[in-house]
Amino acid sequence: MKSRQSERGLYDADIDEARQRVALVSGEVPVAVYGLGKMGLPLAGVYAEVTGNVVGVDVDESVARTVNSGGCHVEGEPGLAELVEERVNEGALSATHEPTAAAAEASVHVVIVPTLLTDDNEPDLATLRAAVESIGAGLSEGDVVVIESTVPPGTCRDVVLPLLCAESGLDEGAFGLAFCPERTSSGRALEDIRGSYPKVVGGVDDESTRVAALIYDQVTDNDVIEASDATTAECVKVFEGVYRDVNIALANELGRLTDDLAVDVTEAIDVANTQPFCDIHTPGPGVGGHCIPVYPYFLTEQVDYDLPLVRTARAVNDRMSEFVVRKVDQLLADRGQALDDSTVLLLGATYRAGVAETRKAPARAVARHLVELGADVTLTDPMLEADDVASWPGTFVPTTDVETDAFDAVVLLTAHDEFESLDPAAFGDAAILDTRRALASGTHDRPHYALGRGTK
């Protein structure tokens, strides 16, 4: 167990900074990473690569066992399995399902657990609170806590700091607390952590900011930007997500103009974006994942101001699934067929191409609306198995088993590589809606409707 006056703590301006850097990268300063999910395990692996002394913490005991055996439960991250195996074998990385015990041994505590939403779209900090309480129970003077979980602005100041003080019995200023927004994407986590973008750090006091900057200067090959405080750093990540949500909403509204204006909206967007002050995103069937559709609520539920633009953008993107279904209905009606007497194939159920993640994927809402209107829905996705969408409306069929000419309508929702080579002619006489503009025109020039482009 650490003593309350830990000699390994970095939160001490009286210690030479060069000496602190050496202590960090030599393994003298033990690090604990709390949360070994899709972003947490890559982060633990990089920290182990840098410091040589990391314990990963996950309350799922099977996850800890897998990591300790040199295995990797996170799929789809290039280089991660090899990194975990190497660092475990050399003793630089281990795992446990006991967070308090890990906290008692560590001097740098990095939290990267999920912050989800309740059914009422309110931020749910329960998992973060549990991790912070466990850290507080083992916290020592001089320790540093870094929150990477995306949280509502003000969380470090108003929630995390009081909890750490209460659980540890330490006063503010006896330990460091900073926020460092996670800026990684599924499928490229190691690349992003190591330096795709500048790291941002902000502490609850100047010393916390200094120590966090020192730590991440070793973790990343990119720049480290010191924000004024933790709340500013928290805003950075939330604002990034809100910007994208609002921008996508604009693109989606513009994409609906294709028919009325008889114009390829995506072409107009591409040309407009050649002007350096214009950066419009591209239309799509909605917004999915654990980030963009979630972060706006970290603001709308946190402040008294109504934020009408943010709320409207969220509504626009959520309603795109209804637009897709109306377009399918229209395409079928144009050929004299009723939606409630039709079979519909949905190509893609993950929220993004190449990523086996279905959280808030637009495909689920599209499937639900279609089933509610009486359509017979089949889903297929090369990244998934039936169990991954067991609770979804419709029937899942492996991509290799799909009879492409057996449907009245086909909707491409996720532009997986496996779908880009599909010839629209393979779908026979089906009405085709391509929401990602990924299908080719076809060897037989089979016309199909592409969102933002119209019939091609």
Protein backbone atom coordinates (compact mmCIF):
# COMPACT_ATOMS: atom_id res chain seq x y z
CA MET A 1 0.00 0.00 0.00
CA LYS A 2 1.11 3.54 -0.65
CA SER A 3 1.73 5.82 2.25
CA ARG A 4 -0.37 8.98 2.42
CA GLN A 5 2.81 10.93 1.63
CA SER A 6 3.55 9.06 -1.58
CA GLU A 7 7.10 9.68 -2.80
CA ARG A 8 5.97 8.69 -6.28
CA GLY A 9 3.38 11.41 -6.66
CA LEU A 10 3.76 13.89 -9.51
CA TYR A 11 1.56 16.56 -7.95
CA ASP A 12 4.42 18.42 -6.34
CA ALA A 13 5.86 21.58 -7.89
CA ASP A 14 8.90 21.36 -5.61
CA ILE A 15 10.20 18.31 -7.46
CA ASP A 16 12.29 19.00 -10.56
CA GLU A 17 10.15 18.49 -13.65
CA ALA A 18 12.91 16.66 -15.48
CA ARG A 19 13.11 14.22 -12.58
CA GLN A 20 9.35 13.71 -12.75
CA ARG A 21 9.53 12.87 -16.44
CA VAL A 22 12.22 10.28 -15.80
CA ALA A 23 10.17 8.79 -12.97
CA LEU A 24 7.11 8.53 -15.21
CA VAL A 25 8.75 6.85 -18.20
CA SER A 26 10.95 4.59 -16.07
CA GLY A 27 7.99 2.94 -14.38
CA GLU A 28 8.74 4.48 -11.02
CA VAL A 29 5.28 6.10 -11.09
CA PRO A 30 2.57 3.39 -11.22
CA VAL A 31 -0.43 4.13 -13.45
CA ALA A 32 -3.96 2.77 -13.25
CA VAL A 33 -6.40 3.04 -16.18
CA TYR A 34 -10.02 2.59 -15.16
CA GLY A 35 -12.22 1.14 -17.91
CA LEU A 36 -10.89 -1.36 -20.45
CA GLY A 37 -13.48 -0.94 -23.17
CA LYS A 38 -13.00 0.01 -26.82
CA MET A 39 -11.13 3.18 -25.94
CA GLY A 40 -9.84 2.23 -22.50
CA LEU A 41 -7.80 -0.83 -23.47
CA PRO A 42 -5.94 1.02 -26.25
CA LEU A 43 -5.24 3.84 -23.79
CA ALA A 44 -3.92 1.39 -21.19
CA GLY A 45 -1.74 -0.22 -23.85
CA VAL A 46 -0.20 3.09 -24.88
CA TYR A 47 0.37 4.11 -21.25
CA ALA A 48 2.10 0.75 -20.70
CA GLU A 49 4.20 1.37 -23.80
CA VAL A 50 5.28 4.74 -22.40
CA THR A 51 5.64 4.05 -18.69
CA GLY A 52 6.12 0.29 -18.36
CA ASN A 53 4.02 0.16 -15.18
CA VAL A 54 0.25 0.06 -15.79
CA VAL A 55 -2.65 -1.81 -14.27
CA GLY A 56 -5.89 -1.77 -16.22
CA VAL A 57 -9.08 -1.85 -14.20
CA ASP A 58 -12.42 -3.24 -15.32
CA VAL A 59 -15.24 -4.42 -13.09
CA ASP A 60 -15.86 -7.27 -15.54
CA GLU A 61 -13.65 -10.00 -14.14
CA SER A 62 -13.57 -11.84 -17.49
CA VAL A 63 -12.03 -8.76 -19.13
CA ALA A 64 -9.26 -8.68 -16.52
CA ARG A 65 -8.60 -12.39 -17.01
CA THR A 66 -8.38 -12.00 -20.78
CA VAL A 67 -5.89 -9.14 -20.54
CA ASN A 68 -3.77 -10.93 -17.93
CA SER A 69 -3.50 -13.90 -20.28
CA GLY A 70 -2.20 -11.58 -22.99
CA GLY A 71 -5.49 -11.63 -24.85
CA CYS A 72 -7.50 -8.78 -26.34
CA HIS A 73 -11.30 -8.63 -26.10
CA VAL A 74 -11.53 -5.48 -28.23
CA GLU A 75 -11.83 -6.22 -31.94
CA GLY A 76 -11.29 -4.04 -34.96
CA GLU A 77 -8.34 -2.03 -33.62
CA PRO A 78 -5.22 -2.54 -35.76
CA GLY A 79 -2.16 -3.39 -33.68
CA LEU A 80 -3.99 -3.55 -30.35
CA ALA A 81 -3.89 -7.32 -29.83
CA GLU A 82 -0.14 -7.36 -30.50
CA LEU A 83 0.45 -4.38 -28.20
CA VAL A 84 -1.47 -5.94 -25.32
CA GLU A 85 0.28 -9.28 -25.69
CA GLU A 86 3.72 -7.66 -25.80
CA ARG A 87 3.15 -5.40 -22.80
CA VAL A 88 1.61 -8.16 -20.69
CA ASN A 89 4.44 -10.57 -21.50
CA GLU A 90 7.08 -8.02 -20.52
CA GLY A 91 5.26 -7.16 -17.29
CA ALA A 92 4.39 -3.61 -18.27
CA LEU A 93 0.62 -4.21 -18.28
CA SER A 94 -1.66 -6.20 -16.02
CA ALA A 95 -5.34 -6.03 -15.19
CA THR A 96 -7.66 -6.35 -12.22
CA HIS A 97 -11.37 -6.15 -11.49
CA GLU A 98 -10.77 -4.54 -8.07
CA PRO A 99 -10.58 -0.75 -8.56
CA THR A 100 -9.95 0.20 -4.93
CA ALA A 101 -6.97 -2.13 -4.67
CA ALA A 102 -5.57 -0.72 -7.91
CA ALA A 103 -6.07 2.84 -6.67
CA ALA A 104 -4.15 2.10 -3.49
CA GLU A 105 -1.12 1.10 -5.55
CA ALA A 106 -1.24 3.71 -8.31
CA SER A 107 -0.09 7.32 -8.31
CA VAL A 108 -1.56 8.34 -11.68
CA HIS A 109 -5.23 7.45 -12.14
CA VAL A 110 -6.77 7.70 -15.64
CA VAL A 111 -10.53 7.27 -15.96
CA ILE A 112 -12.11 6.37 -19.28
CA VAL A 113 -15.47 4.83 -18.45
CA PRO A 114 -18.63 5.55 -20.50
CA THR A 115 -21.02 8.38 -19.76
CA LEU A 116 -24.39 7.38 -21.14
CA LEU A 117 -27.86 8.90 -21.17
CA THR A 118 -30.94 7.92 -19.20
CA ASP A 119 -34.20 7.18 -20.99
CA ASP A 120 -35.01 10.88 -20.49
CA ASN A 121 -31.77 11.92 -22.23
CA GLU A 122 -30.15 13.10 -19.00
CA PRO A 123 -26.42 12.43 -18.52
CA ASP A 124 -25.87 9.32 -16.42
CA LEU A 125 -22.72 9.70 -14.31
CA ALA A 126 -23.25 6.54 -12.26
CA THR A 127 -20.32 4.63 -13.77
CA LEU A 128 -18.01 7.63 -13.46
CA ARG A 129 -19.06 8.18 -9.85
CA ALA A 130 -18.38 4.55 -8.99
CA ALA A 131 -14.89 4.74 -10.49
CA VAL A 132 -14.10 8.02 -8.75
CA GLU A 133 -15.30 6.71 -5.38
CA SER A 134 -13.01 3.70 -5.74
CA ILE A 135 -10.08 5.93 -6.62
CA GLY A 136 -10.81 8.19 -3.67
CA ALA A 137 -10.68 5.23 -1.31
CA GLY A 138 -7.08 4.58 -2.37
CA LEU A 139 -5.96 8.13 -3.15
CA SER A 140 -2.74 9.48 -1.62
CA GLU A 141 -1.34 12.96 -1.33
CA GLY A 142 0.59 13.81 -4.49
CA ASP A 143 -1.48 11.53 -6.72
CA VAL A 144 -2.96 12.77 -10.00
CA VAL A 145 -6.39 11.88 -11.37
CA VAL A 146 -7.09 12.42 -15.07
CA ILE A 147 -10.60 12.11 -16.45
CA GLU A 148 -10.78 11.16 -20.14
CA SER A 149 -14.46 10.18 -20.11
CA THR A 150 -16.54 12.76 -21.96
CA VAL A 151 -18.70 14.53 -19.38
CA PRO A 152 -20.97 17.56 -19.04
CA PRO A 153 -18.88 20.72 -18.54
CA GLY A 154 -18.30 21.36 -14.85
CA THR A 155 -18.20 17.68 -13.86
CA CYS A 156 -14.59 17.66 -12.63
CA ARG A 157 -15.16 20.78 -10.56
CA ASP A 158 -18.62 20.03 -9.21
CA VAL A 159 -18.72 16.23 -9.01
CA VAL A 160 -15.32 14.55 -9.24
CA LEU A 161 -13.33 16.87 -6.97
CA PRO A 162 -15.82 16.80 -4.06
CA LEU A 163 -16.12 13.01 -4.36
CA LEU A 164 -12.36 12.50 -4.26
CA CYS A 165 -12.03 14.74 -1.22
CA ALA A 166 -14.88 13.01 0.58
CA GLU A 167 -13.67 9.47 -0.11
CA SER A 168 -9.98 10.12 0.52
CA GLY A 169 -10.19 12.52 3.45
CA LEU A 170 -7.73 14.77 1.63
CA ASP A 171 -8.21 18.49 1.11
CA GLU A 172 -8.28 20.20 -2.27
CA GLY A 173 -4.71 20.93 -3.32
CA ALA A 174 -3.35 17.71 -1.81
CA PHE A 175 -3.75 15.87 -5.12
CA GLY A 176 -4.14 16.76 -8.77
CA LEU A 177 -7.25 16.53 -10.93
CA ALA A 178 -7.36 17.29 -14.65
CA PHE A 179 -9.48 16.62 -17.67
CA CYS A 180 -8.03 15.35 -20.95
CA PRO A 181 -10.68 14.84 -23.63
CA GLU A 182 -10.48 11.50 -25.39
CA ARG A 183 -10.07 12.27 -29.10
CA THR A 184 -10.11 8.83 -30.66
CA SER A 185 -12.24 6.97 -33.18
CA SER A 186 -13.04 3.28 -33.36
CA GLY A 187 -10.75 1.51 -35.80
CA ARG A 188 -7.84 3.91 -35.30
CA ALA A 189 -7.57 4.24 -31.53
CA LEU A 190 -3.83 3.61 -31.17
CA GLU A 191 -2.99 6.02 -33.96
CA ASP A 192 -5.17 8.72 -32.43
CA ILE A 193 -3.91 8.26 -28.87
CA ARG A 194 -0.30 8.38 -29.98
CA GLY A 195 -0.69 11.66 -31.79
CA SER A 196 -3.21 12.15 -34.60
CA TYR A 197 -4.44 15.33 -32.91
CA PRO A 198 -3.13 17.67 -30.23
CA LYS A 199 -3.87 16.61 -26.67
CA VAL A 200 -5.88 19.01 -24.56
CA VAL A 201 -5.47 19.19 -20.78
CA GLY A 202 -7.04 21.39 -18.17
CA GLY A 203 -6.76 21.09 -14.40
CA VAL A 204 -8.78 22.24 -11.43
CA ASP A 205 -5.69 24.26 -10.48
CA ASP A 206 -2.46 25.32 -12.17
CA GLU A 207 -0.43 22.47 -10.71
CA SER A 208 -2.92 19.90 -11.99
CA THR A 209 -2.67 21.40 -15.48
CA ARG A 210 1.13 21.33 -15.33
CA VAL A 211 1.26 17.68 -14.29
CA ALA A 212 -1.32 16.60 -16.86
CA ALA A 213 0.66 18.38 -19.58
CA LEU A 214 3.83 16.65 -18.40
CA ILE A 215 2.15 13.25 -18.57
CA TYR A 216 0.58 13.67 -21.99
CA ASP A 217 3.71 15.17 -23.44
CA GLN A 218 5.12 11.66 -23.01
CA VAL A 219 2.01 9.87 -24.26
CA THR A 220 1.58 11.82 -27.50
CA ASP A 221 3.86 12.73 -30.37
CA ASN A 222 1.65 15.75 -31.07
CA ASP A 223 1.30 19.03 -29.23
CA VAL A 224 -0.23 19.38 -25.78
CA ILE A 225 -2.58 22.33 -25.41
CA GLU A 226 -3.13 23.64 -21.90
CA ALA A 227 -6.69 24.89 -21.43
CA SER A 228 -7.42 27.50 -18.77
CA ASP A 229 -9.11 24.97 -16.48
CA ALA A 230 -10.84 21.59 -16.38
CA THR A 231 -14.24 22.96 -17.36
CA THR A 232 -12.83 24.58 -20.49
CA ALA A 233 -11.20 21.29 -21.43
CA GLU A 234 -14.50 19.51 -20.86
CA CYS A 235 -16.20 22.00 -23.17
CA VAL A 236 -13.68 21.26 -25.92
CA LYS A 237 -14.83 17.66 -26.40
CA VAL A 238 -18.52 18.44 -26.05
CA PHE A 239 -18.28 21.37 -28.46
CA GLU A 240 -16.53 19.18 -31.03
CA GLY A 241 -19.42 16.73 -30.97
CA VAL A 242 -22.09 19.42 -31.01
CA TYR A 243 -20.44 21.11 -34.01
CA ARG A 244 -20.57 17.90 -35.97
CA ASP A 245 -24.17 17.21 -35.00
CA VAL A 246 -25.27 20.69 -36.10
CA ASN A 247 -23.25 20.50 -39.30
CA ILE A 248 -24.65 17.09 -40.19
CA ALA A 249 -28.17 18.40 -39.53
CA LEU A 250 -27.54 21.20 -42.02
CA ALA A 251 -26.28 18.69 -44.58
CA ASN A 252 -29.30 16.47 -43.99
CA GLU A 253 -31.71 19.36 -44.50
CA LEU A 254 -29.92 20.34 -47.68
CA GLY A 255 -29.94 16.73 -48.84
CA ARG A 256 -33.73 16.72 -48.77
CA LEU A 257 -33.78 19.47 -51.41
CA THR A 258 -32.56 17.20 -54.21
CA ASP A 259 -35.98 16.50 -55.67
CA ASP A 260 -37.49 19.97 -55.24
CA LEU A 261 -34.51 21.68 -56.85
CA ALA A 262 -33.73 18.90 -59.35
CA VAL A 263 -30.06 19.17 -58.40
CA ASP A 264 -27.30 16.95 -57.05
CA VAL A 265 -26.95 18.50 -53.60
CA THR A 266 -23.79 16.55 -52.79
CA GLU A 267 -22.08 18.03 -55.85
CA ALA A 268 -23.12 21.51 -54.76
CA ILE A 269 -21.78 20.84 -51.27
CA ASP A 270 -18.46 19.56 -52.60
CA VAL A 271 -18.00 22.64 -54.77
CA ALA A 272 -19.12 24.99 -51.99
CA ASN A 273 -16.49 23.43 -49.74
CA THR A 274 -13.72 24.57 -52.07
CA GLN A 275 -14.25 27.97 -50.44
CA PRO A 276 -12.05 27.86 -47.32
CA PHE A 277 -14.74 29.28 -45.04
CA CYS A 278 -17.24 26.55 -45.94
CA ASP A 279 -17.09 23.01 -44.55
CA ILE A 280 -20.50 21.39 -44.95
CA HIS A 281 -20.67 17.69 -44.08
CA THR A 282 -22.53 15.12 -46.21
CA PRO A 283 -26.15 13.95 -45.89
CA GLY A 284 -26.93 10.56 -44.38
CA PRO A 285 -29.67 8.50 -42.72
CA GLY A 286 -29.01 9.92 -39.27
CA VAL A 287 -26.30 10.08 -36.62
CA GLY A 288 -25.20 7.10 -34.54
CA GLY A 289 -22.49 5.99 -32.15
CA HIS A 290 -21.73 6.78 -28.54
CA CYS A 291 -20.55 10.35 -29.16
CA ILE A 292 -22.25 12.77 -31.55
CA PRO A 293 -25.89 11.94 -30.72
CA VAL A 294 -25.11 11.99 -26.98
CA TYR A 295 -22.97 15.06 -26.33
CA PRO A 296 -25.59 17.70 -27.20
CA TYR A 297 -27.54 16.56 -24.14
CA PHE A 298 -24.48 17.25 -22.00
CA LEU A 299 -25.22 20.90 -22.73
CA THR A 300 -29.01 21.05 -23.04
CA GLU A 301 -29.49 19.28 -19.71
CA GLN A 302 -26.70 21.23 -17.99
CA VAL A 303 -27.61 24.86 -18.60
CA ASP A 304 -30.70 27.00 -18.16
CA TYR A 305 -30.50 28.56 -21.64
CA ASP A 306 -32.71 26.73 -24.14
CA LEU A 307 -30.04 26.17 -26.85
CA PRO A 308 -32.64 26.06 -29.67
CA LEU A 309 -30.10 25.42 -32.45
CA VAL A 310 -28.57 22.44 -30.65
CA ARG A 311 -31.99 20.95 -29.90
CA THR A 312 -33.22 21.49 -33.45
CA ALA A 313 -30.13 19.86 -34.95
CA ARG A 314 -30.65 16.83 -32.73
CA ALA A 315 -34.28 16.59 -33.83
CA VAL A 316 -33.38 16.96 -37.51
CA ASN A 317 -30.87 14.12 -37.34
CA ASP A 318 -33.19 11.88 -35.35
CA ARG A 319 -35.97 12.40 -37.90
CA MET A 320 -33.81 11.32 -40.84
CA SER A 321 -34.88 7.72 -40.25
CA GLU A 322 -38.48 8.80 -40.88
CA PHE A 323 -37.41 10.59 -44.06
CA VAL A 324 -35.69 7.43 -45.29
CA VAL A 325 -38.83 5.37 -44.69
CA ARG A 326 -41.03 7.95 -46.45
CA LYS A 327 -38.69 7.84 -49.43
CA VAL A 328 -38.90 4.03 -49.54
CA ASP A 329 -42.69 4.31 -49.40
CA GLN A 330 -42.63 6.82 -52.27
CA LEU A 331 -40.30 4.72 -54.42
CA LEU A 332 -42.59 1.71 -53.97
CA ALA A 333 -45.73 3.76 -54.59
CA ASP A 334 -44.25 5.06 -57.85
CA ARG A 335 -44.33 1.47 -59.11
CA GLY A 336 -47.78 0.78 -57.71
CA GLN A 337 -46.75 -1.20 -54.64
CA ALA A 338 -47.81 -0.64 -51.03
CA LEU A 339 -45.22 -0.57 -48.27
CA ASP A 340 -47.32 -2.78 -46.01
CA ASP A 341 -47.22 -5.49 -48.66
CA SER A 342 -43.48 -5.27 -49.34
CA THR A 343 -40.25 -6.95 -48.34
CA VAL A 344 -37.39 -4.58 -47.55
CA LEU A 345 -33.68 -5.40 -47.23
CA LEU A 346 -31.52 -3.10 -45.07
CA LEU A 347 -27.84 -3.20 -45.97
CA GLY A 348 -25.82 -2.28 -42.88
CA ALA A 349 -26.81 -2.07 -39.22
CA THR A 350 -23.72 -0.54 -37.63
CA TYR A 351 -23.60 3.20 -37.19
CA ARG A 352 -20.42 3.58 -39.23
CA ALA A 353 -18.68 1.63 -41.97
CA GLY A 354 -16.02 -0.81 -40.83
CA VAL A 355 -16.96 -0.62 -37.15
CA ALA A 356 -18.92 -3.31 -35.30
CA GLU A 357 -20.86 -0.83 -33.16
CA THR A 358 -24.64 -0.51 -33.24
CA ARG A 359 -25.22 2.06 -30.48
CA LYS A 360 -27.83 4.56 -31.70
CA ALA A 361 -27.35 3.31 -35.26
CA PRO A 362 -29.90 4.85 -37.67
CA ALA A 363 -30.65 1.38 -39.04
CA ARG A 364 -32.52 0.40 -35.90
CA ALA A 365 -34.93 3.34 -36.16
CA VAL A 366 -35.40 2.72 -39.89
CA ALA A 367 -36.21 -0.93 -39.22
CA ARG A 368 -38.64 0.01 -36.48
CA HIS A 369 -40.54 2.51 -38.63
CA LEU A 370 -40.75 0.06 -41.53
CA VAL A 371 -42.07 -2.75 -39.34
CA GLU A 372 -44.59 -0.41 -37.72
CA LEU A 373 -45.88 0.41 -41.19
CA GLY A 374 -46.30 -3.26 -42.04
CA ALA A 375 -43.20 -4.00 -44.11
CA ASP A 376 -41.37 -7.32 -43.86
CA VAL A 377 -37.82 -6.27 -42.95
CA THR A 378 -34.55 -8.18 -43.35
CA LEU A 379 -31.26 -6.82 -42.01
CA THR A 380 -27.76 -7.82 -43.01
CA ASP A 381 -24.33 -6.58 -41.98
CA PRO A 382 -20.91 -8.20 -42.58
CA MET A 383 -19.62 -6.86 -39.23
CA LEU A 384 -22.37 -8.40 -37.11
CA GLU A 385 -24.03 -11.64 -36.07
CA ALA A 386 -27.67 -12.29 -35.27
CA ASP A 387 -27.09 -11.92 -31.52
CA ASP A 388 -25.83 -8.36 -32.03
CA VAL A 389 -29.25 -7.23 -33.24
CA ALA A 390 -31.44 -9.79 -31.50
CA SER A 391 -33.65 -7.09 -29.94
CA TRP A 392 -34.13 -5.21 -33.24
CA PRO A 393 -37.25 -5.32 -35.39
CA GLY A 394 -36.92 -7.48 -38.47
CA THR A 395 -34.96 -10.63 -39.30
CA PHE A 396 -31.16 -10.77 -39.49
CA VAL A 397 -29.55 -12.75 -42.31
CA PRO A 398 -25.77 -13.17 -42.75
CA THR A 399 -24.54 -11.17 -45.73
CA THR A 400 -23.30 -14.29 -47.50
CA ASP A 401 -26.78 -15.84 -47.31
CA VAL A 402 -28.81 -12.92 -48.66
CA GLU A 403 -30.82 -13.62 -51.82
CA THR A 404 -30.34 -10.22 -53.39
CA ASP A 405 -33.21 -10.52 -55.88
CA ALA A 406 -35.83 -11.52 -53.30
CA PHE A 407 -36.88 -8.06 -52.12
CA ASP A 408 -39.21 -5.31 -53.22
CA ALA A 409 -36.96 -2.57 -51.84
CA VAL A 410 -33.32 -2.33 -50.78
CA VAL A 411 -31.91 0.40 -48.53
CA LEU A 412 -28.17 0.85 -48.07
CA LEU A 413 -27.58 2.43 -44.64
CA THR A 414 -23.92 1.67 -43.92
CA ALA A 415 -21.24 1.88 -46.61
CA HIS A 416 -19.22 -1.19 -45.67
CA ASP A 417 -16.57 -2.14 -48.22
CA GLU A 418 -18.45 -5.37 -48.84
CA PHE A 419 -21.39 -3.39 -50.25
CA GLU A 420 -19.49 -1.04 -52.53
CA SER A 421 -18.94 -3.73 -55.15
CA LEU A 422 -22.63 -4.60 -55.32
CA ASP A 423 -24.22 -4.06 -58.70
CA PRO A 424 -27.70 -2.57 -58.32
CA ALA A 425 -28.78 -4.91 -61.11
CA ALA A 426 -28.30 -7.82 -58.69
CA PHE A 427 -31.41 -6.68 -56.84
CA GLY A 428 -33.67 -7.38 -59.79
CA ASP A 429 -36.65 -5.06 -59.94
CA ALA A 430 -36.30 -3.81 -56.36
CA ALA A 431 -36.59 -0.12 -55.58
CA ILE A 432 -33.18 0.96 -54.31
CA LEU A 433 -32.39 3.76 -51.86
CA ASP A 434 -28.69 4.44 -51.25
CA THR A 435 -28.38 6.75 -48.22
CA ARG A 436 -24.56 6.79 -48.42
CA ARG A 437 -24.07 7.20 -52.18
CA ALA A 438 -21.90 4.09 -52.15
CA LEU A 439 -23.47 1.90 -54.84
CA ALA A 440 -22.13 2.00 -58.36
CA SER A 441 -24.42 2.87 -61.26
CA GLY A 442 -24.39 -0.79 -62.28
CA THR A 443 -23.27 -2.70 -65.32
CA HIS A 444 -26.79 -2.51 -66.69
CA ASP A 445 -27.30 1.12 -65.72
CA ARG A 446 -29.94 0.07 -63.21
CA PRO A 447 -31.33 3.37 -61.83
CA HIS A 448 -31.49 3.85 -58.09
CA TYR A 449 -32.17 6.72 -55.73
CA ALA A 450 -29.21 8.17 -53.80
CA LEU A 451 -29.79 10.50 -50.86
CA GLY A 452 -28.66 14.00 -51.85
CA ARG A 453 -28.27 13.07 -55.50
CA GLY A 454 -31.66 11.82 -56.61
CA THR A 455 -32.22 9.07 -59.19
CA LYS A 456 -29.07 7.99 -60.99
